[in-house]
Protein backbone atom coordinates (compact mmCIF):
# COMPACT_ATOMS: atom_id res chain seq x y z
CA MET A 1 -18.93 89.46 -74.44
CA ILE A 2 -18.70 86.88 -77.25
CA LYS A 3 -15.55 88.48 -78.62
CA THR A 4 -14.03 88.44 -75.13
CA TYR A 5 -14.65 84.70 -74.75
CA LEU A 6 -13.39 83.99 -78.27
CA ALA A 7 -10.21 85.93 -77.48
CA LEU A 8 -9.82 83.91 -74.25
CA PHE A 9 -10.26 80.62 -76.08
CA GLY A 10 -7.79 81.80 -78.71
CA ALA A 11 -5.21 82.33 -75.97
CA ILE A 12 -6.11 78.92 -74.55
CA CYS A 13 -5.48 77.32 -77.96
CA ILE A 14 -2.00 78.83 -77.96
CA LEU A 15 -1.28 77.09 -74.65
CA LEU A 16 -2.85 73.84 -75.86
CA ILE A 17 -0.52 73.70 -78.84
CA GLY A 18 2.46 74.89 -76.79
CA ASN A 19 1.95 72.28 -74.07
CA SER A 20 0.96 69.46 -76.45
CA PRO A 21 4.20 67.41 -76.17
CA SER A 22 3.82 67.22 -72.39
CA VAL A 23 0.14 66.22 -72.64
CA ILE A 24 0.76 63.29 -74.97
CA SER A 25 4.20 62.37 -73.61
CA PRO A 26 3.13 58.83 -72.54
CA PHE A 27 2.42 57.91 -76.16
CA ILE A 28 5.42 59.81 -77.52
CA VAL A 29 7.61 57.82 -75.11
CA GLY A 30 5.96 54.53 -76.09
CA SER A 31 6.15 55.25 -79.83
CA PHE A 32 9.85 56.22 -79.69
CA GLU A 33 10.74 53.15 -77.63
CA ASP A 34 8.91 50.71 -79.90
CA TYR A 35 9.69 52.26 -83.31
CA PHE A 36 13.39 52.98 -82.73
CA ASN A 37 13.96 50.09 -80.29
CA LEU A 38 15.38 52.37 -77.59
CA SER A 39 15.98 51.85 -73.89
CA LYS A 40 13.78 53.69 -71.42
CA GLN A 41 16.63 55.99 -70.45
CA SER A 42 17.33 56.86 -74.11
CA VAL A 43 13.67 57.67 -74.68
CA GLY A 44 13.67 59.66 -71.46
CA ASN A 45 16.66 61.65 -72.69
CA LEU A 46 14.84 62.53 -75.93
CA MET A 47 11.80 63.74 -74.01
CA SER A 48 14.05 65.62 -71.60
CA LEU A 49 15.68 67.46 -74.50
CA GLU A 50 12.37 68.69 -75.92
CA LEU A 51 10.75 69.56 -72.59
CA GLY A 52 13.92 71.23 -71.34
CA LEU A 53 14.08 73.49 -74.40
CA MET A 54 10.37 74.24 -73.97
CA ALA A 55 11.18 75.47 -70.46
CA ILE A 56 14.21 77.53 -71.53
CA SER A 57 12.31 79.06 -74.45
CA SER A 58 9.33 79.86 -72.22
CA ILE A 59 11.54 81.62 -69.68
CA PHE A 60 13.33 83.59 -72.41
CA PHE A 61 10.20 84.82 -74.19
CA SER A 62 8.43 85.69 -70.93
CA THR A 63 11.39 87.52 -69.40
CA PHE A 64 12.89 89.50 -72.27
CA LYS A 65 11.23 92.15 -74.39
CA ILE A 66 10.75 91.08 -78.02
CA ASN A 67 9.84 93.94 -80.38
CA TYR A 68 7.63 92.03 -82.79
CA LYS A 69 3.86 91.96 -83.18
CA LEU A 70 2.20 89.36 -80.97
CA SER A 71 0.39 87.80 -83.92
CA HIS A 72 3.67 87.32 -85.80
CA LEU A 73 5.30 85.60 -82.83
CA ILE A 74 2.29 83.31 -82.40
CA ILE A 75 2.27 82.37 -86.10
CA LEU A 76 5.99 81.60 -85.84
CA GLY A 77 5.51 79.41 -82.77
CA VAL A 78 2.53 77.50 -84.16
CA SER A 79 4.34 76.92 -87.48
CA ILE A 80 7.40 75.51 -85.71
CA VAL A 81 5.35 73.08 -83.59
CA LEU A 82 3.20 71.81 -86.47
CA ILE A 83 6.12 71.41 -88.87
CA ALA A 84 8.02 69.49 -86.17
CA TYR A 85 5.16 67.00 -85.76
CA LEU A 86 5.11 66.43 -89.50
CA LEU A 87 8.89 66.02 -89.75
CA THR A 88 8.94 63.62 -86.79
CA SER A 89 6.80 61.18 -88.75
CA PHE A 90 9.58 60.93 -91.38
CA ALA A 91 12.58 60.72 -89.02
CA ILE A 92 14.72 57.66 -89.68
CA ASN A 93 17.23 57.83 -86.81
CA THR A 94 17.57 59.28 -83.31
CA THR A 95 19.85 62.12 -84.45
CA GLN A 96 17.16 63.47 -86.77
CA LEU A 97 14.59 62.86 -84.06
CA ALA A 98 16.57 64.82 -81.47
CA LEU A 99 17.06 67.82 -83.80
CA ILE A 100 13.37 67.92 -84.78
CA ARG A 101 12.08 67.64 -81.21
CA ALA A 102 14.57 70.29 -80.04
CA PHE A 103 13.20 72.56 -82.79
CA SER A 104 9.68 71.82 -81.51
CA GLY A 105 10.66 72.67 -77.94
CA ILE A 106 11.69 76.22 -78.89
CA GLY A 107 8.37 76.86 -80.65
CA CYS A 108 6.37 75.40 -77.78
CA GLY A 109 8.14 77.61 -75.24
CA LEU A 110 7.32 80.71 -77.30
CA LEU A 111 3.62 79.79 -77.35
CA ILE A 112 3.56 79.03 -73.61
CA ALA A 113 5.04 82.44 -72.74
CA LYS A 114 2.59 84.39 -74.92
CA GLY A 115 -0.41 82.28 -73.93
CA HIS A 116 0.13 82.84 -70.20
CA ALA A 117 0.69 86.58 -70.74
CA LEU A 118 -2.74 86.84 -72.39
CA ILE A 119 -4.63 84.65 -69.90
CA ALA A 120 -3.07 86.13 -66.74
CA SER A 121 -4.08 89.66 -67.79
CA ASN A 122 -7.74 88.68 -67.25
CA ASN A 123 -9.41 90.18 -64.17
CA ASN A 124 -10.62 86.79 -62.88
CA PRO A 125 -7.66 84.38 -62.85
CA GLU A 126 -9.58 81.46 -61.29
CA LYS A 127 -12.17 81.73 -64.06
CA SER A 128 -9.59 82.09 -66.85
CA TYR A 129 -7.47 79.17 -65.72
CA ALA A 130 -10.54 77.06 -65.01
CA PHE A 131 -11.59 77.54 -68.64
CA PHE A 132 -8.06 76.72 -69.71
CA SER A 133 -8.10 73.50 -67.66
CA MET A 134 -11.49 72.50 -69.02
CA SER A 135 -10.37 73.07 -72.60
CA SER A 136 -7.06 71.27 -72.13
CA THR A 137 -8.86 68.38 -70.45
CA ILE A 138 -11.31 67.93 -73.33
CA VAL A 139 -8.64 68.27 -75.99
CA GLY A 140 -6.26 66.06 -74.00
CA ALA A 141 -8.84 63.30 -73.59
CA ILE A 142 -9.63 63.31 -77.30
CA ILE A 143 -6.01 63.31 -78.43
CA ILE A 144 -4.99 60.66 -75.88
CA TYR A 145 -7.73 58.25 -76.94
CA VAL A 146 -7.13 58.85 -80.64
CA SER A 147 -3.35 58.54 -80.17
CA GLY A 148 -3.65 55.14 -78.53
CA SER A 149 -5.97 53.88 -81.26
CA ILE A 150 -3.77 55.19 -84.08
CA LEU A 151 -0.58 53.79 -82.55
CA ASN A 152 -2.25 50.42 -81.98
CA ASN A 153 -3.76 50.14 -85.48
CA PHE A 154 -1.62 52.25 -87.83
CA GLY A 155 1.74 52.82 -86.16
CA TYR A 156 4.32 55.53 -85.58
CA GLN A 157 4.15 57.61 -88.77
CA TYR A 158 0.37 58.00 -88.84
CA PHE A 159 0.45 58.92 -85.14
CA PHE A 160 2.55 62.04 -85.71
CA ILE A 161 0.76 62.97 -88.95
CA SER A 162 -2.54 62.85 -87.02
CA LEU A 163 -1.08 65.19 -84.37
CA PHE A 164 -0.14 67.65 -87.11
CA ILE A 165 -3.71 67.57 -88.50
CA PHE A 166 -5.39 67.74 -85.09
CA TYR A 167 -3.56 70.83 -83.86
CA LEU A 168 -3.85 72.44 -87.29
CA LEU A 169 -7.63 72.46 -86.76
CA LEU A 170 -7.24 74.67 -83.66
CA ILE A 171 -5.68 77.54 -85.62
CA PRO A 172 -8.96 79.33 -86.59
CA LEU A 173 -9.66 80.11 -82.91
CA ILE A 174 -6.28 81.83 -82.59
CA LEU A 175 -7.46 84.45 -85.10
CA PHE A 176 -9.76 85.91 -82.42
CA ILE A 177 -6.90 86.97 -80.14
CA LYS A 178 -6.82 90.69 -79.45
CA GLU A 179 -3.72 92.18 -80.97
CA LYS A 180 -1.45 93.85 -78.42
CA PRO A 181 2.17 94.97 -78.69
CA VAL A 182 4.33 92.49 -76.82
CA ASN A 183 5.77 95.22 -74.59
CA GLU A 184 2.23 95.99 -73.38
CA VAL A 185 1.59 92.37 -72.48
CA ILE A 186 4.88 91.68 -70.74
CA LYS A 187 6.95 94.37 -69.08
CA PRO A 188 10.17 92.90 -67.70
CA GLY A 189 11.11 94.53 -64.42
CA SER A 190 7.69 96.16 -63.98
CA GLU A 191 6.78 93.95 -61.01
CA ASP A 192 8.30 93.88 -57.56
CA LEU A 193 8.24 90.12 -57.03
CA ASN A 194 9.28 88.72 -53.65
CA VAL A 195 12.34 86.53 -54.26
CA LYS A 196 11.57 84.16 -51.37
CA THR A 197 7.96 83.62 -52.45
CA VAL A 198 8.81 83.14 -56.12
CA SER A 199 11.73 80.81 -55.34
CA LEU A 200 9.76 78.58 -52.97
CA LEU A 201 6.78 78.44 -55.32
CA ILE A 202 9.00 77.47 -58.26
CA ILE A 203 10.89 74.86 -56.19
CA GLY A 204 7.62 73.42 -54.89
CA ILE A 205 6.08 73.16 -58.35
CA LEU A 206 9.31 71.78 -59.83
CA SER A 207 9.43 69.04 -57.19
CA PHE A 208 5.72 68.32 -57.65
CA GLU A 209 6.19 67.95 -61.39
CA LEU A 210 9.27 65.75 -61.02
CA ALA A 211 6.97 63.26 -59.30
CA SER A 212 3.85 63.70 -61.39
CA GLY A 213 5.65 64.28 -64.69
CA GLY A 214 7.83 61.22 -64.30
CA MET A 215 4.84 59.01 -63.59
CA TRP A 216 2.89 60.56 -66.47
CA ALA A 217 5.72 60.05 -68.97
CA PHE A 218 5.86 56.32 -68.19
CA ASP A 219 2.14 55.84 -67.49
CA GLU A 220 1.63 54.00 -70.77
CA ARG A 221 4.62 51.74 -70.06
CA LEU A 222 3.31 51.22 -66.50
CA GLY A 223 -0.01 49.96 -67.81
CA VAL A 224 1.42 47.84 -70.64
CA GLU A 225 4.53 46.34 -69.03
CA PHE A 226 3.96 46.42 -65.26
CA ILE A 227 0.23 45.69 -65.14
CA GLY A 228 -0.24 43.91 -68.47
CA ILE A 229 -2.86 46.07 -70.19
CA SER A 230 -3.02 46.57 -73.97
CA ILE A 231 -2.07 49.94 -75.49
CA SER A 232 -5.66 50.61 -76.59
CA SER A 233 -6.96 49.83 -73.08
CA VAL A 234 -4.36 52.14 -71.55
CA ALA A 235 -5.44 54.87 -73.98
CA LEU A 236 -9.05 54.37 -72.91
CA VAL A 237 -8.12 54.58 -69.22
CA LEU A 238 -6.03 57.73 -69.72
CA SER A 239 -8.68 59.44 -71.85
CA ILE A 240 -11.41 58.68 -69.28
CA SER A 241 -9.20 59.87 -66.42
CA THR A 242 -8.41 63.03 -68.40
CA LEU A 243 -12.12 63.68 -68.93
CA THR A 244 -12.66 63.23 -65.20
CA GLY A 245 -10.44 66.26 -64.80
CA LEU A 246 -13.41 68.24 -66.17
CA LEU A 247 -14.96 67.95 -62.71
CA ALA A 248 -12.18 70.06 -61.21
CA PRO A 249 -12.73 73.43 -62.99
CA PRO A 250 -16.45 73.73 -62.06
CA ILE A 251 -15.61 72.90 -58.46
CA VAL A 252 -12.85 75.52 -58.45
CA LEU A 253 -15.24 78.06 -60.01
CA TYR A 254 -17.82 77.33 -57.31
CA ILE A 255 -15.44 77.31 -54.34
CA GLY A 256 -13.10 80.01 -55.62
CA ASN A 257 -10.70 81.12 -52.89
CA ARG A 258 -13.19 81.19 -50.02
CA TYR A 259 -11.05 78.61 -48.20
CA GLY A 260 -7.83 80.06 -49.52
CA ARG A 261 -5.64 78.40 -52.13
CA SER A 262 -3.10 76.64 -49.92
CA LEU A 263 -5.64 74.18 -48.44
CA PRO A 264 -6.85 72.84 -51.84
CA ILE A 265 -3.21 72.60 -52.93
CA TYR A 266 -2.32 70.62 -49.77
CA ILE A 267 -5.25 68.25 -50.39
CA GLY A 268 -4.42 67.85 -54.07
CA VAL A 269 -0.71 67.11 -53.63
CA THR A 270 -1.29 64.62 -50.78
CA SER A 271 -4.06 62.83 -52.67
CA ILE A 272 -1.82 62.41 -55.72
CA LEU A 273 0.85 60.73 -53.57
CA MET A 274 -1.81 58.31 -52.24
CA CYS A 275 -2.73 57.45 -55.84
CA PHE A 276 0.89 56.69 -56.71
CA ILE A 277 1.18 54.37 -53.70
CA TRP A 278 -2.04 52.58 -54.62
CA ILE A 279 -1.09 52.03 -58.27
CA LEU A 280 2.48 50.87 -57.58
CA LYS A 281 1.92 48.83 -54.40
CA TYR A 282 -1.27 47.13 -55.61
CA PRO A 283 -0.94 46.91 -59.42
CA SER A 284 -4.19 45.89 -61.12
CA TYR A 285 -6.57 47.21 -63.74
CA LEU A 286 -8.73 48.67 -60.95
CA SER A 287 -5.88 50.54 -59.25
CA PHE A 288 -4.57 51.78 -62.61
CA PHE A 289 -8.03 52.95 -63.73
CA ALA A 290 -9.24 54.50 -60.46
CA GLY A 291 -5.79 55.78 -59.48
CA ASN A 292 -5.38 57.66 -62.75
CA ILE A 293 -8.86 59.18 -62.45
CA ILE A 294 -8.27 60.47 -58.91
CA TRP A 295 -4.75 61.57 -59.77
CA TYR A 296 -5.83 63.62 -62.79
CA PHE A 297 -8.70 65.27 -60.92
CA PHE A 298 -6.47 66.49 -58.09
CA PHE A 299 -3.65 67.40 -60.49
CA THR A 300 -6.03 69.64 -62.47
CA MET A 301 -7.40 71.24 -59.31
CA THR A 302 -3.93 71.87 -57.90
CA VAL A 303 -2.60 73.45 -61.09
CA ILE A 304 -5.62 75.80 -61.36
CA TYR A 305 -5.10 77.09 -57.82
CA VAL A 306 -1.35 77.49 -58.30
CA LEU A 307 -1.72 79.40 -61.58
CA ALA A 308 -4.53 81.54 -60.12
CA ALA A 309 -2.27 82.47 -57.20
CA SER A 310 0.55 83.29 -59.61
CA ALA A 311 -1.76 85.59 -61.60
CA ILE A 312 -2.53 87.55 -58.41
CA ILE A 313 1.16 87.76 -57.50
CA SER A 314 2.21 88.60 -61.09
CA PRO A 315 -0.61 90.08 -63.25
CA THR A 316 1.65 90.30 -66.31
CA GLY A 317 1.76 86.50 -66.51
CA ARG A 318 5.52 86.42 -65.97
CA LEU A 319 5.32 84.18 -62.88
CA ALA A 320 2.71 81.90 -64.52
CA SER A 321 5.06 81.44 -67.46
CA TRP A 322 7.97 80.72 -65.12
CA LEU A 323 5.86 78.15 -63.27
CA ASN A 324 4.90 76.55 -66.57
CA ALA A 325 8.63 76.47 -67.33
CA ALA A 326 9.29 74.86 -63.92
CA ILE A 327 6.67 72.23 -64.76
CA LEU A 328 8.41 71.59 -68.07
CA ILE A 329 11.83 71.40 -66.41
CA GLY A 330 10.38 68.82 -64.02
CA MET A 331 8.90 66.91 -66.92
CA SER A 332 12.19 67.15 -68.84
CA VAL A 333 14.37 65.85 -66.00
CA ALA A 334 11.91 63.21 -64.76
CA PRO A 335 11.88 60.93 -67.85
CA SER A 336 15.68 60.56 -67.75
CA LEU A 337 15.71 60.04 -64.00
CA PHE A 338 12.79 57.62 -63.98
CA GLY A 339 14.13 55.84 -67.08
CA TYR A 340 17.48 55.33 -65.32
CA ILE A 341 15.74 53.72 -62.33
CA LEU A 342 13.41 51.60 -64.46
CA ASP A 343 16.24 50.25 -66.62
CA ARG A 344 17.83 48.94 -63.40
CA GLY A 345 14.73 48.01 -61.41
CA THR A 346 10.93 48.07 -61.52
CA PHE A 347 8.18 50.63 -61.05
CA ILE A 348 7.93 49.89 -57.32
CA ASP A 349 11.48 51.25 -56.93
CA LEU A 350 10.12 54.72 -57.78
CA LEU A 351 8.20 55.07 -54.50
CA PRO A 352 11.03 56.52 -52.30
CA LEU A 353 11.70 59.17 -54.95
CA LEU A 354 8.01 60.03 -55.21
CA PHE A 355 7.77 60.41 -51.42
CA ALA A 356 10.77 62.77 -51.36
CA PHE A 357 9.51 65.00 -54.17
CA ILE A 358 6.01 65.36 -52.69
CA LEU A 359 7.44 66.12 -49.23
CA ILE A 360 9.55 68.96 -50.66
CA THR A 361 6.44 70.40 -52.33
CA LEU A 362 4.44 70.33 -49.10
CA ILE A 363 7.25 72.06 -47.19
CA CYS A 364 7.52 74.83 -49.79
CA ILE A 365 3.74 75.39 -49.79
CA THR A 366 3.77 75.65 -45.99
CA PHE A 367 6.28 78.52 -46.04
CA ILE A 368 4.29 80.61 -48.56
CA ARG A 369 0.69 79.66 -47.69
CA LYS A 370 -0.23 83.24 -46.65
CA THR A 371 0.91 84.61 -50.01
CA LEU A 372 -0.99 81.89 -51.88
CA ASP A 373 -4.18 82.79 -49.99
CA GLN A 374 -4.07 86.51 -50.72
CA THR A 375 -6.88 87.93 -52.88
CA GLU A 376 -5.17 90.95 -54.40
């Protein structure tokens, strides 16, 4: 039993490291903008490059058979990500920065593909992804708070060096992963996936992440520039709101799928839109603080139910990895798109776009709700 849980947490650590750039993107965006004196669109383009390559790499390594030991691939991926964080701290221009972050994106995508393959193979997907969400929430809250403090007090270089050290400390847990040949974890073509269901689910999640990912990428700028909060205060708000996401996994574990999965997803997506409206239409410390808390809770709940449904539809983890890739594509496109709008307007000008993206998600979920609610 203990070895099983340690193996699960090892797989979770792989996903934590693989998804790390997306988790701390608000502070990466802020640090790039301030240190290199870039426009919001330029910073958005840099983030888009890394997150886009994360998505492409994730799709590649989850779709095609790679004849190397799983442990070797994981070591390669972790090494790439950690080295990239260290090199980023010494970058002196945007060309170097772009090359390093592109390098990071490839390693992150590899880890995302292998992490989902391991977690989705578990017999209880709600439980596995609930543990993943709890772990990512705790780690995310810690790293977000520490990131804000380091950026505020020590600056750009120490920020990225601290990321290198922090994620380096997670490596011992990865040693507990059960070794499996890659072709036993992922078998391309071994599943008869419904094209309509997969397409609508991917489109829905992509649209959802275009809204949520764009807001998340500029959340630090929203607090500092639009509302007038200090960087350290924004870090405190984001870390508290991230910790509030810990409430979602226990609730999902308790409720399970007794009411289906589509209903919680409907509630989560709609509630997130309400949070965006509240924060942007009525900007204040209260709306920023409470809006982020509610937003993160429902985001965590929604993602757990979506990934659990994907594990039922695709037990090899292929669909979960594709959905993670869709999330990353959304997060990669959103910073450039949102940065373009913000360079020519204000945060309130984002509302029509947010409405459109959330509406597309709700329509897609409606068409596949029966599939999402299935139990086997």
